[in-house]
Structure formats: structure tokens, C-alpha cells
Amino acid sequence: MIDAIIGSFLTIFFTIIFLYKWIVIISALLTWVRPDPYNPIVQMLYRLTEPVYAKIRQYIPTTFGGLDLAPLILIFALIFLETFLQKLLLG
């Protein structure tokens, strides 16, 4: 019973990480086309990603040659977290 509950929570957690990776990718791709900043979808993506980007930029310089690497660093961190937790918790 406990194993099923823990497994369900882990599945939800890993699904959230998977979806957030896609949110970061879509948000990064949208910066290349300059979308309408008043679009509700663009605003939602900005609200979901910008606080995390700001935290990364606070500790690591992420702009090189006009290219912001904060989304790439975040994706690598999410992949590391996902892989680490899978190996640690699921064996």
C-alpha cells in the first residue's frame, strides 16, 4: 500500500519535471520570434520560467555573446535532478 502511494507521488513528480522541461523549451524558442507580450500564453510562460532564470542568473553569469544560457542550464539541472532521483529512489 505504501509502495503504491510513494510510486504514485514519484510518477506525478517526474511528470511535473517532464512538463516543466517542455515549458522551458517552448519559452526559450518563443524568445527567438518576439511574441506579443500581452498574449496570455506568453505571460504564463514568462511567469513560470523567469523567477527560476533570475535565480540562476543571480549565481551564474549566463549571457555569452548576446545569448542567454539560463534555459539550457535549467534544462541540464532538471535532467540531472530527474536522473539522480530515479537512480536513488527507484534503484
C-alpha atoms as a PDB file:
ATOM      1  CA  MET A   1       0.000   0.000   0.000  1.00  0.00           C
ATOM      2  CA  ILE A   2       2.731   2.449   0.994  1.00  0.00           C
ATOM      3  CA  ASP A   3       4.793   1.471  -2.061  1.00  0.00           C
ATOM      4  CA  ALA A   4       1.851   2.260  -4.328  1.00  0.00           C
ATOM      5  CA  ILE A   5       1.364   5.694  -2.754  1.00  0.00           C
ATOM      6  CA  ILE A   6       5.067   6.540  -2.965  1.00  0.00           C
ATOM      7  CA  GLY A   7       5.170   5.270  -6.555  1.00  0.00           C
ATOM      8  CA  SER A   8       2.192   7.450  -7.456  1.00  0.00           C
ATOM      9  CA  PHE A   9       3.775  10.556  -5.936  1.00  0.00           C
ATOM     10  CA  LEU A  10       7.038   9.848  -7.741  1.00  0.00           C
ATOM     11  CA  THR A  11       5.194   9.441 -11.029  1.00  0.00           C
ATOM     12  CA  ILE A  12       3.470  12.778 -10.519  1.00  0.00           C
ATOM     13  CA  PHE A  13       6.768  14.437  -9.534  1.00  0.00           C
ATOM     14  CA  PHE A  14       8.609  13.085 -12.583  1.00  0.00           C
ATOM     15  CA  THR A  15       5.707  14.141 -14.834  1.00  0.00           C
ATOM     16  CA  ILE A  16       5.906  17.683 -13.434  1.00  0.00           C
ATOM     17  CA  ILE A  17       9.648  17.764 -14.153  1.00  0.00           C
ATOM     18  CA  PHE A  18       9.000  16.487 -17.695  1.00  0.00           C
ATOM     19  CA  LEU A  19       6.317  19.125 -18.344  1.00  0.00           C
ATOM     20  CA  TYR A  20       8.457  21.920 -16.887  1.00  0.00           C
ATOM     21  CA  LYS A  21      11.310  20.967 -19.229  1.00  0.00           C
ATOM     22  CA  TRP A  22       8.933  21.446 -22.154  1.00  0.00           C
ATOM     23  CA  ILE A  23       7.726  24.764 -20.738  1.00  0.00           C
ATOM     24  CA  VAL A  24      11.348  25.946 -20.590  1.00  0.00           C
ATOM     25  CA  ILE A  25      11.998  24.770 -24.162  1.00  0.00           C
ATOM     26  CA  ILE A  26       8.865  26.469 -25.521  1.00  0.00           C
ATOM     27  CA  SER A  27       9.646  29.652 -23.605  1.00  0.00           C
ATOM     28  CA  ALA A  28      13.205  29.720 -24.967  1.00  0.00           C
ATOM     29  CA  LEU A  29      12.016  29.150 -28.532  1.00  0.00           C
ATOM     30  CA  LEU A  30       9.436  31.927 -28.231  1.00  0.00           C
ATOM     31  CA  THR A  31      12.151  34.445 -27.382  1.00  0.00           C
ATOM     32  CA  TRP A  32      13.525  33.998 -30.905  1.00  0.00           C
ATOM     33  CA  VAL A  33      10.315  35.213 -32.587  1.00  0.00           C
ATOM     34  CA  ARG A  34       9.378  38.139 -30.294  1.00  0.00           C
ATOM     35  CA  PRO A  35       5.789  37.191 -29.487  1.00  0.00           C
ATOM     36  CA  ASP A  36       3.156  39.646 -28.311  1.00  0.00           C
ATOM     37  CA  PRO A  37       3.955  40.286 -24.608  1.00  0.00           C
ATOM     38  CA  TYR A  38       0.239  40.782 -23.861  1.00  0.00           C
ATOM     39  CA  ASN A  39      -0.665  37.298 -25.060  1.00  0.00           C
ATOM     40  CA  PRO A  40      -1.894  35.288 -22.032  1.00  0.00           C
ATOM     41  CA  ILE A  41       0.111  32.210 -23.014  1.00  0.00           C
ATOM     42  CA  VAL A  42       3.311  34.242 -23.319  1.00  0.00           C
ATOM     43  CA  GLN A  43       2.621  35.872 -19.953  1.00  0.00           C
ATOM     44  CA  MET A  44       2.023  32.466 -18.336  1.00  0.00           C
ATOM     45  CA  LEU A  45       5.267  31.072 -19.759  1.00  0.00           C
ATOM     46  CA  TYR A  46       7.129  34.166 -18.552  1.00  0.00           C
ATOM     47  CA  ARG A  47       5.693  33.802 -15.032  1.00  0.00           C
ATOM     48  CA  LEU A  48       6.593  30.119 -14.910  1.00  0.00           C
ATOM     49  CA  THR A  49      10.175  30.472 -16.115  1.00  0.00           C
ATOM     50  CA  GLU A  50      11.506  33.925 -15.302  1.00  0.00           C
ATOM     51  CA  PRO A  51      11.748  33.500 -11.490  1.00  0.00           C
ATOM     52  CA  VAL A  52      13.906  30.402 -11.962  1.00  0.00           C
ATOM     53  CA  TYR A  53      16.013  32.129 -14.630  1.00  0.00           C
ATOM     54  CA  ALA A  54      16.550  35.062 -12.254  1.00  0.00           C
ATOM     55  CA  LYS A  55      17.755  32.680  -9.528  1.00  0.00           C
ATOM     56  CA  ILE A  56      20.198  31.064 -11.959  1.00  0.00           C
ATOM     57  CA  ARG A  57      21.419  34.464 -13.204  1.00  0.00           C
ATOM     58  CA  GLN A  58      21.989  35.536  -9.608  1.00  0.00           C
ATOM     59  CA  TYR A  59      24.688  32.872  -9.150  1.00  0.00           C
ATOM     60  CA  ILE A  60      25.985  32.185 -12.668  1.00  0.00           C
ATOM     61  CA  PRO A  61      26.695  34.669 -15.470  1.00  0.00           C
ATOM     62  CA  THR A  62      24.524  33.279 -18.246  1.00  0.00           C
ATOM     63  CA  THR A  63      24.865  35.787 -21.089  1.00  0.00           C
ATOM     64  CA  PHE A  64      27.610  34.995 -23.580  1.00  0.00           C
ATOM     65  CA  GLY A  65      27.763  36.874 -26.864  1.00  0.00           C
ATOM     66  CA  GLY A  66      24.163  38.046 -26.563  1.00  0.00           C
ATOM     67  CA  LEU A  67      22.886  34.514 -25.989  1.00  0.00           C
ATOM     68  CA  ASP A  68      21.224  33.730 -22.656  1.00  0.00           C
ATOM     69  CA  LEU A  69      22.152  30.262 -21.443  1.00  0.00           C
ATOM     70  CA  ALA A  70      19.839  30.229 -18.397  1.00  0.00           C
ATOM     71  CA  PRO A  71      17.260  27.945 -20.113  1.00  0.00           C
ATOM     72  CA  LEU A  72      19.983  25.480 -21.092  1.00  0.00           C
ATOM     73  CA  ILE A  73      21.416  25.443 -17.566  1.00  0.00           C
ATOM     74  CA  LEU A  74      17.916  24.902 -16.164  1.00  0.00           C
ATOM     75  CA  ILE A  75      17.211  22.012 -18.532  1.00  0.00           C
ATOM     76  CA  PHE A  76      20.501  20.337 -17.602  1.00  0.00           C
ATOM     77  CA  ALA A  77      19.696  20.816 -13.905  1.00  0.00           C
ATOM     78  CA  LEU A  78      16.250  19.268 -14.367  1.00  0.00           C
ATOM     79  CA  ILE A  79      17.699  16.306 -16.273  1.00  0.00           C
ATOM     80  CA  PHE A  80      20.291  15.819 -13.526  1.00  0.00           C
ATOM     81  CA  LEU A  81      17.614  16.017 -10.804  1.00  0.00           C
ATOM     82  CA  GLU A  82      15.341  13.586 -12.604  1.00  0.00           C
ATOM     83  CA  THR A  83      18.108  11.057 -13.270  1.00  0.00           C
ATOM     84  CA  PHE A  84      19.549  11.360  -9.765  1.00  0.00           C
ATOM     85  CA  LEU A  85      16.178  10.815  -8.086  1.00  0.00           C
ATOM     86  CA  GLN A  86      15.291   7.906 -10.352  1.00  0.00           C
ATOM     87  CA  LYS A  87      18.565   6.138  -9.541  1.00  0.00           C
ATOM     88  CA  LEU A  88      18.314   6.975  -5.852  1.00  0.00           C
ATOM     89  CA  LEU A  89      14.663   6.136  -5.245  1.00  0.00           C
ATOM     90  CA  LEU A  90      13.812   3.561  -7.858  1.00  0.00           C
ATOM     91  CA  GLY A  91      17.079   1.684  -7.910  1.00  0.00           C
END
